[in-house]
Amino acid sequence: MLCSFLFLSIHAQTTLIHGTCEICSQQDPLVNYQFCITSLQDASGSRHADIRGLGKISIKLTQKNLTDTRSYIKNLLKNNIKKLNSYVKMRLEDCLELYSDSIADIKRAMDNYKSKHYHEANIQLSSVMEAATTCENGFKEKHKAVTLLTKRNNATFELSVIGLSIMRILQNDAN
């Protein structure tokens, strides 16, 4: 009996994550369905979360990504300073500033999300997306420049889009 209950509970949560990611990817072509599922299923707390909880988880994942990327950039600058050409070094410094500012934005986004101030949280998450895009585009300004942060910038962007899409669902349900 207990095994049946656990199976149904896990199945229901998997269905919620899949359904949420499906709606998000249908509403917004920037949401990668598989990335959404993988990110939310692997996240701590997702097994017992409702859709509002999944939104909170997506913001937490974005925050973790921002913090990790900022540390990664600091380490690149510290440990490879003599190996980096001046263009790449300048881009990394720009990205460090963008990611540092984004950490403050994501904290405000979480506060606003928790308070159900979705419009304000939307603005802050959009700012985080813009920072990741600006960082990535900075490397592309110079033809054949080494782009050291593409995967991390893409993850920041996609996690932010998931959060925005979930907020859109919540706002539509409230109306």
Protein backbone atom coordinates (compact mmCIF):
# COMPACT_ATOMS: atom_id res chain seq x y z
CA MET A 1 0.00 0.00 0.00
CA LEU A 2 2.79 2.41 0.93
CA CYS A 3 4.64 1.62 -2.31
CA SER A 4 1.49 2.42 -4.31
CA PHE A 5 1.12 5.76 -2.52
CA LEU A 6 4.77 6.66 -3.13
CA PHE A 7 4.49 5.71 -6.80
CA LEU A 8 1.35 7.83 -7.24
CA SER A 9 2.97 10.75 -5.41
CA ILE A 10 6.11 10.62 -7.56
CA HIS A 11 4.02 10.17 -10.72
CA ALA A 12 1.83 13.17 -9.83
CA GLN A 13 4.89 15.37 -9.28
CA THR A 14 6.53 14.21 -12.50
CA THR A 15 3.28 14.96 -14.30
CA LEU A 16 3.18 18.48 -12.77
CA ILE A 17 6.76 19.21 -13.86
CA HIS A 18 6.17 17.84 -17.36
CA GLY A 19 2.87 19.70 -17.67
CA THR A 20 4.37 22.96 -16.42
CA CYS A 21 7.31 22.68 -18.80
CA GLU A 22 4.98 21.83 -21.67
CA ILE A 23 2.82 24.91 -21.02
CA CYS A 24 5.92 27.08 -20.61
CA SER A 25 7.44 25.87 -23.88
CA GLN A 26 4.13 26.36 -25.71
CA GLN A 27 3.71 29.89 -24.36
CA ASP A 28 7.30 30.93 -24.95
CA PRO A 29 9.50 29.55 -27.74
CA LEU A 30 12.55 30.51 -25.68
CA VAL A 31 11.74 27.78 -23.14
CA ASN A 32 13.51 24.55 -24.00
CA TYR A 33 11.14 21.80 -22.87
CA GLN A 34 13.87 19.24 -22.09
CA PHE A 35 16.06 21.78 -20.26
CA CYS A 36 13.02 22.79 -18.19
CA ILE A 37 12.20 19.21 -17.20
CA THR A 38 15.80 18.31 -16.39
CA SER A 39 16.37 21.48 -14.36
CA LEU A 40 13.18 21.21 -12.30
CA GLN A 41 13.29 17.44 -11.73
CA ASP A 42 16.87 17.54 -10.50
CA ALA A 43 16.22 20.45 -8.12
CA SER A 44 15.91 20.00 -4.41
CA GLY A 45 12.32 20.30 -3.22
CA SER A 46 10.73 19.78 -6.62
CA ARG A 47 9.15 16.45 -5.67
CA HIS A 48 6.76 18.14 -3.24
CA ALA A 49 6.32 21.52 -4.93
CA ASP A 50 3.19 22.94 -6.48
CA ILE A 51 3.44 25.21 -9.52
CA ARG A 52 4.19 28.23 -7.32
CA GLY A 53 6.95 26.20 -5.68
CA LEU A 54 8.36 25.31 -9.10
CA GLY A 55 8.57 29.04 -9.87
CA LYS A 56 10.48 29.59 -6.65
CA ILE A 57 12.78 26.70 -7.52
CA SER A 58 13.50 28.15 -10.97
CA ILE A 59 14.49 31.46 -9.39
CA LYS A 60 16.71 29.65 -6.87
CA LEU A 61 18.36 27.72 -9.71
CA THR A 62 18.97 31.00 -11.54
CA GLN A 63 20.50 32.48 -8.39
CA LYS A 64 22.79 29.47 -7.95
CA ASN A 65 23.84 29.70 -11.58
CA LEU A 66 24.59 33.41 -11.20
CA THR A 67 26.67 32.85 -8.07
CA ASP A 68 28.57 29.93 -9.59
CA THR A 69 29.25 31.83 -12.81
CA ARG A 70 30.46 34.88 -10.94
CA SER A 71 32.90 32.68 -8.97
CA TYR A 72 33.99 30.99 -12.20
CA ILE A 73 34.72 34.37 -13.82
CA LYS A 74 36.68 35.53 -10.76
CA ASN A 75 38.78 32.36 -10.92
CA LEU A 76 39.41 32.77 -14.64
CA LEU A 77 40.61 36.32 -14.08
CA LYS A 78 42.72 35.41 -11.06
CA ASN A 79 44.34 32.22 -12.35
CA ASN A 80 44.75 33.04 -16.04
CA ILE A 81 45.50 36.76 -15.99
CA LYS A 82 48.75 36.39 -17.94
CA LYS A 83 47.27 33.92 -20.46
CA LEU A 84 44.24 36.04 -21.37
CA ASN A 85 44.48 38.56 -24.17
CA SER A 86 43.30 42.05 -23.33
CA TYR A 87 40.02 41.70 -25.25
CA VAL A 88 38.99 38.52 -23.42
CA LYS A 89 40.09 39.99 -20.09
CA MET A 90 37.95 43.10 -20.67
CA ARG A 91 34.93 40.95 -21.62
CA LEU A 92 35.36 38.83 -18.50
CA GLU A 93 35.55 41.95 -16.35
CA ASP A 94 32.36 43.25 -18.00
CA CYS A 95 30.65 39.91 -17.38
CA LEU A 96 31.81 39.89 -13.77
CA GLU A 97 30.13 43.25 -13.25
CA LEU A 98 26.97 42.11 -15.04
CA TYR A 99 26.74 38.92 -12.97
CA SER A 100 27.47 40.78 -9.73
CA ASP A 101 24.62 43.19 -10.46
CA SER A 102 22.38 40.29 -11.42
CA ILE A 103 22.85 38.64 -8.03
CA ALA A 104 21.21 41.67 -6.43
CA ASP A 105 18.46 41.57 -9.08
CA ILE A 106 17.70 37.89 -8.50
CA LYS A 107 17.43 38.41 -4.75
CA ARG A 108 14.91 41.20 -5.33
CA ALA A 109 13.10 39.00 -7.84
CA MET A 110 12.77 36.25 -5.22
CA ASP A 111 11.47 38.71 -2.61
CA ASN A 112 8.92 40.06 -5.08
CA TYR A 113 7.96 36.56 -6.19
CA LYS A 114 7.35 35.47 -2.59
CA SER A 115 5.18 38.58 -2.09
CA LYS A 116 3.30 37.80 -5.33
CA HIS A 117 4.54 41.06 -6.88
CA TYR A 118 4.98 39.30 -10.20
CA HIS A 119 5.32 42.43 -12.29
CA GLU A 120 8.37 43.57 -10.30
CA ALA A 121 9.84 40.06 -10.21
CA ASN A 122 9.35 39.90 -13.98
CA ILE A 123 11.36 43.10 -14.45
CA GLN A 124 14.21 41.80 -12.32
CA LEU A 125 14.31 38.38 -14.00
CA SER A 126 14.24 40.10 -17.38
CA SER A 127 17.23 42.13 -16.26
CA VAL A 128 19.09 38.92 -15.40
CA MET A 129 18.32 37.54 -18.87
CA GLU A 130 19.58 40.74 -20.44
CA ALA A 131 22.82 40.55 -18.43
CA ALA A 132 23.51 37.01 -19.69
CA THR A 133 22.79 38.09 -23.27
CA THR A 134 24.98 41.20 -22.94
CA CYS A 135 27.82 39.12 -21.51
CA GLU A 136 27.60 36.63 -24.38
CA ASN A 137 27.29 39.31 -27.06
CA GLY A 138 30.33 41.12 -25.69
CA PHE A 139 32.51 38.17 -26.65
CA LYS A 140 30.97 38.03 -30.11
CA GLU A 141 31.77 41.67 -30.92
CA LYS A 142 35.20 40.63 -32.07
CA HIS A 143 35.30 38.00 -34.78
CA LYS A 144 36.77 34.70 -33.57
CA ALA A 145 36.97 35.81 -29.94
CA VAL A 146 37.03 32.93 -27.47
CA THR A 147 33.66 32.70 -25.73
CA LEU A 148 34.36 31.21 -22.33
CA LEU A 149 30.89 31.56 -20.84
CA THR A 150 28.44 30.44 -23.52
CA LYS A 151 27.09 27.41 -21.65
CA ARG A 152 26.74 29.37 -18.41
CA ASN A 153 25.15 32.37 -20.13
CA ASN A 154 22.69 30.10 -21.91
CA ALA A 155 21.75 28.36 -18.65
CA THR A 156 21.20 31.71 -16.91
CA PHE A 157 19.03 32.86 -19.79
CA GLU A 158 16.98 29.65 -19.94
CA LEU A 159 16.45 29.39 -16.17
CA SER A 160 15.25 33.00 -16.15
CA VAL A 161 12.84 32.29 -19.01
CA ILE A 162 11.40 29.32 -17.10
CA GLY A 163 10.79 31.54 -14.07
CA LEU A 164 9.13 34.18 -16.23
CA SER A 165 6.93 31.60 -17.91
CA ILE A 166 5.79 30.12 -14.60
CA MET A 167 4.95 33.62 -13.35
CA ARG A 168 2.89 34.15 -16.50
CA ILE A 169 0.94 30.96 -15.73
CA LEU A 170 0.35 32.11 -12.15
CA GLN A 171 -0.80 35.54 -13.30
CA ASN A 172 -3.17 34.02 -15.87
CA ASP A 173 -4.62 31.69 -13.22
CA ALA A 174 -5.21 34.66 -10.91
CA ASN A 175 -7.21 36.51 -13.58
